[in-house]
């Protein structure tokens, strides 16, 4: 996640600096304005997410990378974000792609009432997961699971390589 500052010309957005999609996942603020533009500060997955939410954005300056959301006196928690947090007030660690990219993602989730299933907010859509299988309430559990998955995959690959090395070829007459 990043925190970025960017500009939007008032003439490009009809004097409305709000994102073009709603609801959004992370908070944002209009931190200043001049006679012809708004200055916004927003948390987002990346610069592409900012361009998706504010197509008119220009001069995007990433202030922080790999950051957590922090609220301050200057950037207080927006009321709409409090409602979002109430609805999705749990964070979980998702391991579904960790063997591909090495990342265990921390995402907001809503735990459903049946069988420990949860809806995790992954890249703007809600994906169902089961606690204890690809979704974990603690970082330590997620890391342990990812290590076990990697170990199992290595064992399986070694067995396949061994079988391939010992394969004897025959010709059919």
N, C-alpha and C. Protein backbone atom coordinates (compact mmCIF):
# COMPACT_ATOMS: atom_id res chain seq x y z
N UNK A 1 0.85 -1.17 0.00
CA UNK A 1 0.00 0.00 0.00
C UNK A 1 0.90 1.23 0.00
N UNK A 2 0.44 2.28 -0.67
CA UNK A 2 1.18 3.53 -0.73
C UNK A 2 0.34 4.67 -0.15
N UNK A 3 1.03 5.74 0.21
CA UNK A 3 0.36 7.01 0.52
C UNK A 3 0.93 8.00 -0.47
N UNK A 4 0.04 8.67 -1.20
CA UNK A 4 0.49 9.56 -2.27
C UNK A 4 -0.24 10.91 -2.22
N UNK A 5 0.44 11.92 -2.76
CA UNK A 5 -0.17 13.24 -2.94
C UNK A 5 -0.26 13.47 -4.44
N UNK A 6 -1.39 14.02 -4.88
CA UNK A 6 -1.57 14.28 -6.30
C UNK A 6 -2.52 15.46 -6.49
N UNK A 7 -2.62 15.88 -7.71
CA UNK A 7 -3.41 17.07 -8.05
C UNK A 7 -4.50 16.71 -9.04
N UNK A 8 -5.59 17.47 -8.96
CA UNK A 8 -6.68 17.35 -9.93
C UNK A 8 -7.11 18.76 -10.30
N UNK A 9 -7.12 19.04 -11.59
CA UNK A 9 -7.59 20.36 -12.05
C UNK A 9 -9.10 20.43 -11.88
N UNK A 10 -9.56 21.53 -11.34
CA UNK A 10 -11.00 21.70 -11.10
C UNK A 10 -11.78 21.61 -12.42
N UNK A 11 -11.20 22.11 -13.49
CA UNK A 11 -11.89 22.08 -14.78
C UNK A 11 -12.02 20.65 -15.32
N UNK A 12 -11.12 19.75 -14.91
CA UNK A 12 -11.16 18.36 -15.37
C UNK A 12 -12.17 17.51 -14.62
N UNK A 13 -12.54 17.95 -13.40
CA UNK A 13 -13.41 17.11 -12.57
C UNK A 13 -14.73 17.81 -12.20
N UNK A 14 -15.07 18.85 -12.91
CA UNK A 14 -16.30 19.60 -12.63
C UNK A 14 -16.38 20.04 -11.17
N UNK A 15 -15.23 20.45 -10.63
CA UNK A 15 -15.16 20.93 -9.24
C UNK A 15 -15.50 19.87 -8.20
N UNK A 16 -15.37 18.59 -8.55
CA UNK A 16 -15.69 17.50 -7.63
C UNK A 16 -14.48 16.56 -7.54
N UNK A 17 -13.79 16.58 -6.42
CA UNK A 17 -12.56 15.80 -6.28
C UNK A 17 -12.80 14.37 -5.77
N UNK A 18 -14.04 13.98 -5.56
CA UNK A 18 -14.33 12.63 -5.05
C UNK A 18 -13.96 11.57 -6.09
N UNK A 19 -13.65 10.35 -5.64
CA UNK A 19 -13.28 9.29 -6.59
C UNK A 19 -14.46 8.92 -7.49
N UNK A 20 -14.14 8.40 -8.67
CA UNK A 20 -15.20 8.07 -9.63
C UNK A 20 -15.87 6.74 -9.31
N UNK A 21 -15.27 5.92 -8.42
CA UNK A 21 -15.87 4.65 -7.98
C UNK A 21 -16.12 4.73 -6.48
N UNK A 22 -17.16 4.07 -6.05
CA UNK A 22 -17.49 4.06 -4.62
C UNK A 22 -18.23 2.77 -4.30
N UNK A 23 -18.00 2.15 -3.16
CA UNK A 23 -17.10 2.57 -2.09
C UNK A 23 -15.65 2.26 -2.45
N UNK A 24 -14.75 2.92 -1.74
CA UNK A 24 -13.33 2.65 -1.95
C UNK A 24 -12.76 2.02 -0.69
N UNK A 25 -11.58 1.46 -0.84
CA UNK A 25 -10.98 0.65 0.22
C UNK A 25 -10.20 1.48 1.24
N UNK A 26 -9.59 2.56 0.81
CA UNK A 26 -8.67 3.31 1.67
C UNK A 26 -9.11 4.78 1.77
N UNK A 27 -8.70 5.44 2.86
CA UNK A 27 -9.09 6.84 3.05
C UNK A 27 -8.32 7.80 2.15
N UNK A 28 -8.93 8.97 1.94
CA UNK A 28 -8.29 10.04 1.18
C UNK A 28 -8.75 11.37 1.77
N UNK A 29 -8.02 12.44 1.45
CA UNK A 29 -8.36 13.77 1.94
C UNK A 29 -8.04 14.81 0.88
N UNK A 30 -8.82 15.85 0.84
CA UNK A 30 -8.45 17.04 0.06
C UNK A 30 -7.66 17.91 1.03
N UNK A 31 -6.36 18.00 0.82
CA UNK A 31 -5.51 18.68 1.79
C UNK A 31 -5.32 20.16 1.48
N UNK A 32 -5.65 20.56 0.25
CA UNK A 32 -5.53 21.98 -0.12
C UNK A 32 -6.23 22.19 -1.46
N UNK A 33 -6.48 23.44 -1.75
CA UNK A 33 -7.00 23.77 -3.09
C UNK A 33 -6.57 25.17 -3.46
N UNK A 34 -6.42 25.37 -4.76
CA UNK A 34 -6.11 26.70 -5.29
C UNK A 34 -7.28 27.11 -6.17
N UNK A 35 -7.12 28.19 -6.88
CA UNK A 35 -8.22 28.64 -7.73
C UNK A 35 -8.49 27.68 -8.88
N UNK A 36 -7.49 26.84 -9.24
CA UNK A 36 -7.70 25.95 -10.38
C UNK A 36 -7.51 24.46 -10.12
N UNK A 37 -7.08 24.07 -8.89
CA UNK A 37 -6.88 22.63 -8.65
C UNK A 37 -7.06 22.25 -7.19
N UNK A 38 -7.26 20.93 -6.99
CA UNK A 38 -7.32 20.34 -5.66
C UNK A 38 -6.02 19.58 -5.42
N UNK A 39 -5.59 19.52 -4.17
CA UNK A 39 -4.46 18.69 -3.77
C UNK A 39 -5.03 17.59 -2.89
N UNK A 40 -4.86 16.34 -3.31
CA UNK A 40 -5.39 15.21 -2.56
C UNK A 40 -4.26 14.36 -2.01
N UNK A 41 -4.51 13.76 -0.86
CA UNK A 41 -3.61 12.77 -0.27
C UNK A 41 -4.47 11.52 -0.09
N UNK A 42 -3.94 10.38 -0.54
CA UNK A 42 -4.73 9.15 -0.48
C UNK A 42 -3.84 7.94 -0.25
N UNK A 43 -4.42 6.97 0.43
CA UNK A 43 -3.81 5.64 0.52
C UNK A 43 -4.38 4.82 -0.63
N UNK A 44 -3.55 3.97 -1.22
CA UNK A 44 -4.00 3.11 -2.32
C UNK A 44 -3.05 1.93 -2.46
N UNK A 45 -3.47 0.93 -3.22
CA UNK A 45 -2.60 -0.22 -3.47
C UNK A 45 -1.34 0.21 -4.22
N UNK A 46 -1.54 1.08 -5.24
CA UNK A 46 -0.43 1.53 -6.07
C UNK A 46 -0.88 2.74 -6.88
N UNK A 47 0.01 3.28 -7.71
CA UNK A 47 -0.32 4.46 -8.51
C UNK A 47 -1.44 4.16 -9.51
N UNK A 48 -1.48 2.95 -10.05
CA UNK A 48 -2.56 2.59 -10.99
C UNK A 48 -3.93 2.68 -10.31
N UNK A 49 -3.99 2.29 -9.04
CA UNK A 49 -5.26 2.38 -8.30
C UNK A 49 -5.70 3.84 -8.17
N UNK A 50 -4.76 4.72 -7.97
CA UNK A 50 -5.09 6.15 -7.87
C UNK A 50 -5.65 6.63 -9.21
N UNK A 51 -5.00 6.25 -10.31
CA UNK A 51 -5.48 6.67 -11.63
C UNK A 51 -6.85 6.06 -11.95
N UNK A 52 -7.13 4.89 -11.40
CA UNK A 52 -8.43 4.25 -11.61
C UNK A 52 -9.53 5.01 -10.85
N UNK A 53 -9.21 5.44 -9.64
CA UNK A 53 -10.20 6.15 -8.82
C UNK A 53 -10.32 7.63 -9.18
N UNK A 54 -9.21 8.23 -9.60
CA UNK A 54 -9.18 9.64 -9.98
C UNK A 54 -8.49 9.74 -11.34
N UNK A 55 -9.20 9.47 -12.43
CA UNK A 55 -8.57 9.46 -13.77
C UNK A 55 -7.90 10.79 -14.13
N UNK A 56 -8.36 11.88 -13.51
CA UNK A 56 -7.80 13.20 -13.82
C UNK A 56 -6.53 13.51 -13.05
N UNK A 57 -6.12 12.61 -12.15
CA UNK A 57 -4.96 12.87 -11.29
C UNK A 57 -3.70 13.08 -12.11
N UNK A 58 -2.88 14.03 -11.68
CA UNK A 58 -1.59 14.25 -12.31
C UNK A 58 -0.56 14.60 -11.24
N UNK A 59 0.69 14.54 -11.62
CA UNK A 59 1.80 14.83 -10.71
C UNK A 59 1.67 14.00 -9.42
N UNK A 60 1.50 12.70 -9.60
CA UNK A 60 1.34 11.79 -8.45
C UNK A 60 2.71 11.60 -7.80
N UNK A 61 2.77 11.92 -6.51
CA UNK A 61 4.01 11.80 -5.75
C UNK A 61 3.79 10.78 -4.63
N UNK A 62 4.47 9.63 -4.72
CA UNK A 62 4.35 8.61 -3.69
C UNK A 62 5.15 9.08 -2.47
N UNK A 63 4.45 9.32 -1.38
CA UNK A 63 5.08 9.81 -0.16
C UNK A 63 5.63 8.67 0.69
N UNK A 64 4.93 7.52 0.68
CA UNK A 64 5.35 6.35 1.45
C UNK A 64 5.00 5.09 0.67
N UNK A 65 5.89 4.10 0.74
CA UNK A 65 5.62 2.79 0.14
C UNK A 65 5.55 1.76 1.26
N UNK A 66 4.83 0.67 1.02
CA UNK A 66 4.70 -0.42 2.00
C UNK A 66 4.34 0.13 3.38
N UNK A 67 3.29 0.92 3.41
CA UNK A 67 2.91 1.62 4.64
C UNK A 67 1.59 1.10 5.21
N UNK A 68 1.33 1.46 6.42
CA UNK A 68 0.06 1.18 7.09
C UNK A 68 -0.71 2.50 7.17
N UNK A 69 -2.01 2.42 7.29
CA UNK A 69 -2.83 3.63 7.42
C UNK A 69 -2.61 4.23 8.80
N UNK A 70 -2.31 5.52 8.82
CA UNK A 70 -2.15 6.26 10.07
C UNK A 70 -2.99 7.52 9.99
N UNK A 71 -3.75 7.77 11.04
CA UNK A 71 -4.56 8.98 11.11
C UNK A 71 -3.88 9.98 12.03
N UNK A 72 -3.98 11.25 11.66
CA UNK A 72 -3.36 12.33 12.44
C UNK A 72 -4.37 13.45 12.58
N UNK A 73 -3.97 14.52 13.27
CA UNK A 73 -4.85 15.68 13.38
C UNK A 73 -5.11 16.28 11.99
N UNK A 74 -4.08 16.31 11.16
CA UNK A 74 -4.25 16.86 9.82
C UNK A 74 -5.03 15.93 8.91
N UNK A 75 -4.85 14.62 9.10
CA UNK A 75 -5.53 13.62 8.29
C UNK A 75 -6.33 12.69 9.20
N UNK A 76 -7.47 13.16 9.72
CA UNK A 76 -8.27 12.35 10.64
C UNK A 76 -9.01 11.23 9.91
N UNK A 77 -9.50 10.28 10.68
CA UNK A 77 -10.26 9.17 10.11
C UNK A 77 -11.59 9.71 9.57
N UNK A 78 -11.85 9.55 8.27
CA UNK A 78 -13.14 10.01 7.71
C UNK A 78 -14.31 9.20 8.28
N UNK A 79 -15.45 9.85 8.41
CA UNK A 79 -16.63 9.16 8.95
C UNK A 79 -17.00 7.94 8.10
N UNK A 80 -16.96 8.07 6.78
CA UNK A 80 -17.33 6.95 5.92
C UNK A 80 -16.38 5.78 6.14
N UNK A 81 -15.11 6.05 6.48
CA UNK A 81 -14.15 4.97 6.69
C UNK A 81 -14.45 4.24 7.99
N UNK A 82 -14.96 4.95 9.00
CA UNK A 82 -15.37 4.31 10.25
C UNK A 82 -16.48 3.30 9.98
N UNK A 83 -17.42 3.64 9.11
CA UNK A 83 -18.49 2.71 8.76
C UNK A 83 -17.92 1.49 8.05
N UNK A 84 -16.97 1.72 7.16
CA UNK A 84 -16.31 0.61 6.45
C UNK A 84 -15.61 -0.30 7.45
N UNK A 85 -14.91 0.30 8.42
CA UNK A 85 -14.21 -0.49 9.42
C UNK A 85 -15.16 -1.29 10.29
N UNK A 86 -16.30 -0.70 10.63
CA UNK A 86 -17.28 -1.43 11.44
C UNK A 86 -17.78 -2.66 10.69
N UNK A 87 -17.99 -2.50 9.40
CA UNK A 87 -18.50 -3.61 8.61
C UNK A 87 -17.42 -4.67 8.37
N UNK A 88 -16.21 -4.22 8.11
CA UNK A 88 -15.08 -5.11 7.84
C UNK A 88 -13.98 -4.79 8.83
N UNK A 89 -14.18 -5.18 10.08
CA UNK A 89 -13.29 -4.75 11.14
C UNK A 89 -12.18 -5.73 11.48
N UNK A 90 -12.03 -6.77 10.72
CA UNK A 90 -11.03 -7.78 11.00
C UNK A 90 -9.98 -7.78 9.88
N UNK A 91 -8.74 -7.96 10.27
CA UNK A 91 -7.68 -8.15 9.29
C UNK A 91 -7.30 -9.62 9.30
N UNK A 92 -7.04 -10.17 8.13
CA UNK A 92 -6.54 -11.53 8.01
C UNK A 92 -5.36 -11.53 7.05
N UNK A 93 -4.57 -12.59 7.11
CA UNK A 93 -3.44 -12.76 6.21
C UNK A 93 -3.82 -13.85 5.22
N UNK A 94 -3.69 -13.54 3.94
CA UNK A 94 -4.10 -14.43 2.84
C UNK A 94 -2.83 -15.01 2.21
N UNK A 95 -2.82 -16.35 2.06
CA UNK A 95 -1.63 -17.02 1.52
C UNK A 95 -1.84 -17.63 0.14
N UNK A 96 -2.95 -17.30 -0.53
CA UNK A 96 -3.29 -18.00 -1.77
C UNK A 96 -2.28 -17.84 -2.89
N UNK A 97 -1.54 -16.76 -2.95
CA UNK A 97 -0.56 -16.59 -4.03
C UNK A 97 0.88 -16.54 -3.52
N UNK A 98 1.10 -16.87 -2.25
CA UNK A 98 2.44 -16.70 -1.69
C UNK A 98 3.50 -17.59 -2.34
N UNK A 99 3.10 -18.75 -2.87
CA UNK A 99 4.08 -19.62 -3.53
C UNK A 99 4.42 -19.12 -4.92
N UNK A 100 3.67 -18.15 -5.42
CA UNK A 100 3.96 -17.56 -6.72
C UNK A 100 4.81 -16.31 -6.58
N UNK A 101 4.43 -15.43 -5.64
CA UNK A 101 5.12 -14.14 -5.54
C UNK A 101 5.81 -13.90 -4.20
N UNK A 102 5.69 -14.85 -3.25
CA UNK A 102 6.35 -14.71 -1.96
C UNK A 102 5.66 -13.75 -1.00
N UNK A 103 4.47 -13.26 -1.35
CA UNK A 103 3.80 -12.27 -0.52
C UNK A 103 2.60 -12.89 0.21
N UNK A 104 2.54 -12.61 1.49
CA UNK A 104 1.38 -12.95 2.29
C UNK A 104 0.68 -11.63 2.54
N UNK A 105 -0.53 -11.47 1.99
CA UNK A 105 -1.21 -10.19 2.00
C UNK A 105 -2.09 -10.02 3.24
N UNK A 106 -2.02 -8.85 3.84
CA UNK A 106 -2.89 -8.50 4.96
C UNK A 106 -4.07 -7.73 4.37
N UNK A 107 -5.28 -8.24 4.59
CA UNK A 107 -6.47 -7.62 4.01
C UNK A 107 -7.58 -7.51 5.05
N UNK A 108 -8.48 -6.58 4.80
CA UNK A 108 -9.67 -6.46 5.66
C UNK A 108 -10.64 -7.58 5.29
N UNK A 109 -11.35 -8.07 6.30
CA UNK A 109 -12.27 -9.16 6.05
C UNK A 109 -13.48 -9.07 6.96
N UNK A 110 -14.54 -9.66 6.50
CA UNK A 110 -15.76 -9.79 7.29
C UNK A 110 -15.98 -11.28 7.51
N UNK A 111 -15.95 -11.69 8.77
CA UNK A 111 -16.16 -13.09 9.09
C UNK A 111 -17.65 -13.38 9.02
N UNK A 112 -18.02 -14.36 8.23
CA UNK A 112 -19.42 -14.74 8.11
C UNK A 112 -19.77 -15.73 9.23
N UNK A 113 -21.03 -15.92 9.47
CA UNK A 113 -21.49 -16.74 10.59
C UNK A 113 -21.42 -18.25 10.33
N UNK A 114 -21.16 -18.67 9.13
CA UNK A 114 -21.21 -20.10 8.84
C UNK A 114 -19.82 -20.66 8.56
N UNK A 115 -19.47 -21.69 9.29
CA UNK A 115 -18.27 -22.50 9.06
C UNK A 115 -16.95 -21.73 8.99
N UNK A 116 -16.82 -20.60 9.63
CA UNK A 116 -15.56 -19.87 9.61
C UNK A 116 -15.21 -19.26 8.27
N UNK A 117 -16.17 -19.18 7.36
CA UNK A 117 -15.91 -18.57 6.06
C UNK A 117 -15.84 -17.05 6.24
N UNK A 118 -14.99 -16.42 5.48
CA UNK A 118 -14.89 -14.97 5.54
C UNK A 118 -14.88 -14.40 4.14
N UNK A 119 -15.21 -13.13 4.05
CA UNK A 119 -15.10 -12.40 2.79
C UNK A 119 -13.94 -11.44 2.94
N UNK A 120 -12.90 -11.64 2.16
CA UNK A 120 -11.72 -10.79 2.23
C UNK A 120 -11.74 -9.79 1.08
N UNK A 121 -11.40 -8.56 1.40
CA UNK A 121 -11.37 -7.49 0.42
C UNK A 121 -10.04 -7.55 -0.31
N UNK A 122 -10.01 -8.24 -1.45
CA UNK A 122 -8.78 -8.42 -2.22
C UNK A 122 -8.89 -7.65 -3.52
N UNK A 123 -8.09 -6.61 -3.62
CA UNK A 123 -8.02 -5.80 -4.83
C UNK A 123 -9.39 -5.35 -5.31
N UNK A 124 -10.19 -4.83 -4.39
CA UNK A 124 -11.46 -4.24 -4.76
C UNK A 124 -12.61 -5.20 -4.95
N UNK A 125 -12.40 -6.48 -4.68
CA UNK A 125 -13.53 -7.41 -4.74
C UNK A 125 -13.48 -8.32 -3.53
N UNK A 126 -14.61 -8.86 -3.15
CA UNK A 126 -14.68 -9.68 -1.96
C UNK A 126 -14.59 -11.14 -2.36
N UNK A 127 -13.60 -11.83 -1.80
CA UNK A 127 -13.31 -13.21 -2.13
C UNK A 127 -13.54 -14.09 -0.91
N UNK A 128 -14.25 -15.22 -1.05
CA UNK A 128 -14.47 -16.09 0.10
C UNK A 128 -13.22 -16.93 0.42
N UNK A 129 -12.91 -17.05 1.70
CA UNK A 129 -11.82 -17.89 2.19
C UNK A 129 -12.30 -18.61 3.43
N UNK A 130 -11.57 -19.65 3.81
CA UNK A 130 -11.86 -20.37 5.05
C UNK A 130 -10.69 -20.15 6.01
N UNK A 131 -11.03 -19.78 7.24
CA UNK A 131 -10.00 -19.59 8.25
C UNK A 131 -9.25 -20.91 8.44
N UNK A 132 -7.92 -20.84 8.45
CA UNK A 132 -7.09 -22.03 8.61
C UNK A 132 -6.66 -22.64 7.29
N UNK A 133 -7.24 -22.18 6.20
CA UNK A 133 -6.85 -22.64 4.87
C UNK A 133 -6.78 -21.41 3.96
N UNK A 134 -5.58 -20.92 3.73
CA UNK A 134 -5.29 -19.74 2.92
C UNK A 134 -5.72 -18.43 3.55
N UNK A 135 -6.32 -18.44 4.73
CA UNK A 135 -6.66 -17.21 5.45
C UNK A 135 -6.42 -17.45 6.94
N UNK A 136 -5.69 -16.52 7.57
CA UNK A 136 -5.29 -16.71 8.95
C UNK A 136 -5.45 -15.43 9.74
N UNK A 137 -5.80 -15.59 11.02
CA UNK A 137 -6.01 -14.43 11.87
C UNK A 137 -4.71 -13.84 12.40
N UNK A 138 -3.61 -14.60 12.32
CA UNK A 138 -2.33 -14.05 12.78
C UNK A 138 -1.27 -14.22 11.69
N UNK A 139 -0.33 -13.31 11.69
CA UNK A 139 0.77 -13.35 10.74
C UNK A 139 1.60 -14.62 10.95
N UNK A 140 1.79 -15.01 12.21
CA UNK A 140 2.59 -16.20 12.52
C UNK A 140 1.95 -17.46 11.94
N UNK A 141 0.62 -17.59 12.07
CA UNK A 141 -0.07 -18.75 11.50
C UNK A 141 0.09 -18.78 9.98
N UNK A 142 -0.03 -17.61 9.36
CA UNK A 142 0.10 -17.53 7.90
C UNK A 142 1.50 -17.91 7.45
N UNK A 143 2.51 -17.42 8.16
CA UNK A 143 3.90 -17.76 7.81
C UNK A 143 4.15 -19.26 7.98
N UNK A 144 3.64 -19.84 9.06
CA UNK A 144 3.80 -21.27 9.30
C UNK A 144 3.14 -22.08 8.18
N UNK A 145 1.93 -21.69 7.80
CA UNK A 145 1.21 -22.39 6.73
C UNK A 145 1.97 -22.27 5.41
N UNK A 146 2.46 -21.07 5.11
CA UNK A 146 3.20 -20.86 3.85
C UNK A 146 4.47 -21.71 3.83
N UNK A 147 5.17 -21.79 4.95
CA UNK A 147 6.38 -22.62 5.03
C UNK A 147 6.02 -24.10 4.82
N UNK A 148 4.93 -24.56 5.44
CA UNK A 148 4.49 -25.94 5.26
C UNK A 148 4.14 -26.22 3.79
N UNK A 149 3.44 -25.27 3.17
CA UNK A 149 3.07 -25.44 1.75
C UNK A 149 4.33 -25.52 0.88
N UNK A 150 5.31 -24.66 1.17
CA UNK A 150 6.55 -24.68 0.38
C UNK A 150 7.27 -26.00 0.57
N UNK A 151 7.37 -26.49 1.82
CA UNK A 151 8.03 -27.76 2.11
C UNK A 151 7.34 -28.90 1.38
N UNK A 152 6.01 -28.94 1.43
CA UNK A 152 5.25 -29.99 0.73
C UNK A 152 5.48 -29.93 -0.77
N UNK A 153 5.51 -28.72 -1.32
CA UNK A 153 5.73 -28.56 -2.76
C UNK A 153 7.13 -29.03 -3.15
N UNK A 154 8.13 -28.70 -2.35
CA UNK A 154 9.50 -29.14 -2.63
C UNK A 154 9.59 -30.66 -2.60
N UNK A 155 8.98 -31.29 -1.59
CA UNK A 155 8.97 -32.76 -1.51
C UNK A 155 8.32 -33.37 -2.75
N UNK A 156 7.20 -32.82 -3.14
CA UNK A 156 6.48 -33.34 -4.31
C UNK A 156 7.32 -33.19 -5.57
N UNK A 157 7.96 -32.05 -5.73
CA UNK A 157 8.79 -31.82 -6.92
C UNK A 157 10.00 -32.74 -6.92
N UNK A 158 10.62 -32.94 -5.77
CA UNK A 158 11.77 -33.85 -5.68
C UNK A 158 11.35 -35.27 -6.08
N UNK A 159 10.19 -35.71 -5.62
CA UNK A 159 9.69 -37.04 -5.96
C UNK A 159 9.46 -37.14 -7.47
N UNK A 160 8.88 -36.10 -8.05
CA UNK A 160 8.65 -36.11 -9.51
C UNK A 160 9.97 -36.13 -10.26
N UNK A 161 10.96 -35.38 -9.81
CA UNK A 161 12.27 -35.37 -10.46
C UNK A 161 12.93 -36.73 -10.33
N UNK A 162 12.85 -37.33 -9.15
CA UNK A 162 13.42 -38.66 -8.93
C UNK A 162 12.77 -39.68 -9.88
N UNK A 163 11.45 -39.64 -9.99
CA UNK A 163 10.75 -40.57 -10.88
C UNK A 163 11.16 -40.35 -12.33
N UNK A 164 11.33 -39.09 -12.70
CA UNK A 164 11.74 -38.77 -14.07
C UNK A 164 13.17 -39.25 -14.34
N UNK A 165 14.05 -39.06 -13.35
CA UNK A 165 15.44 -39.52 -13.53
C UNK A 165 15.53 -41.04 -13.67
N UNK A 166 14.64 -41.78 -13.01
CA UNK A 166 14.67 -43.24 -13.05
C UNK A 166 13.76 -43.84 -14.11
N UNK A 167 13.19 -43.01 -14.91
CA UNK A 167 12.30 -43.49 -15.96
C UNK A 167 13.11 -44.23 -17.02
N UNK A 168 12.69 -45.43 -17.34
CA UNK A 168 13.34 -46.23 -18.38
C UNK A 168 12.47 -46.20 -19.63
N UNK A 169 13.10 -45.87 -20.73
CA UNK A 169 12.36 -45.77 -21.98
C UNK A 169 12.39 -47.11 -22.72
N UNK A 170 11.26 -47.44 -23.32
CA UNK A 170 11.15 -48.66 -24.11
C UNK A 170 10.52 -48.30 -25.45
N UNK A 171 10.88 -49.05 -26.44
CA UNK A 171 10.27 -48.86 -27.75
C UNK A 171 9.22 -49.92 -27.97
N UNK A 172 8.11 -49.52 -28.50
CA UNK A 172 7.03 -50.46 -28.84
C UNK A 172 7.39 -51.09 -30.20
N UNK A 173 7.32 -52.41 -30.29
CA UNK A 173 7.63 -53.05 -31.57
C UNK A 173 6.45 -53.05 -32.46
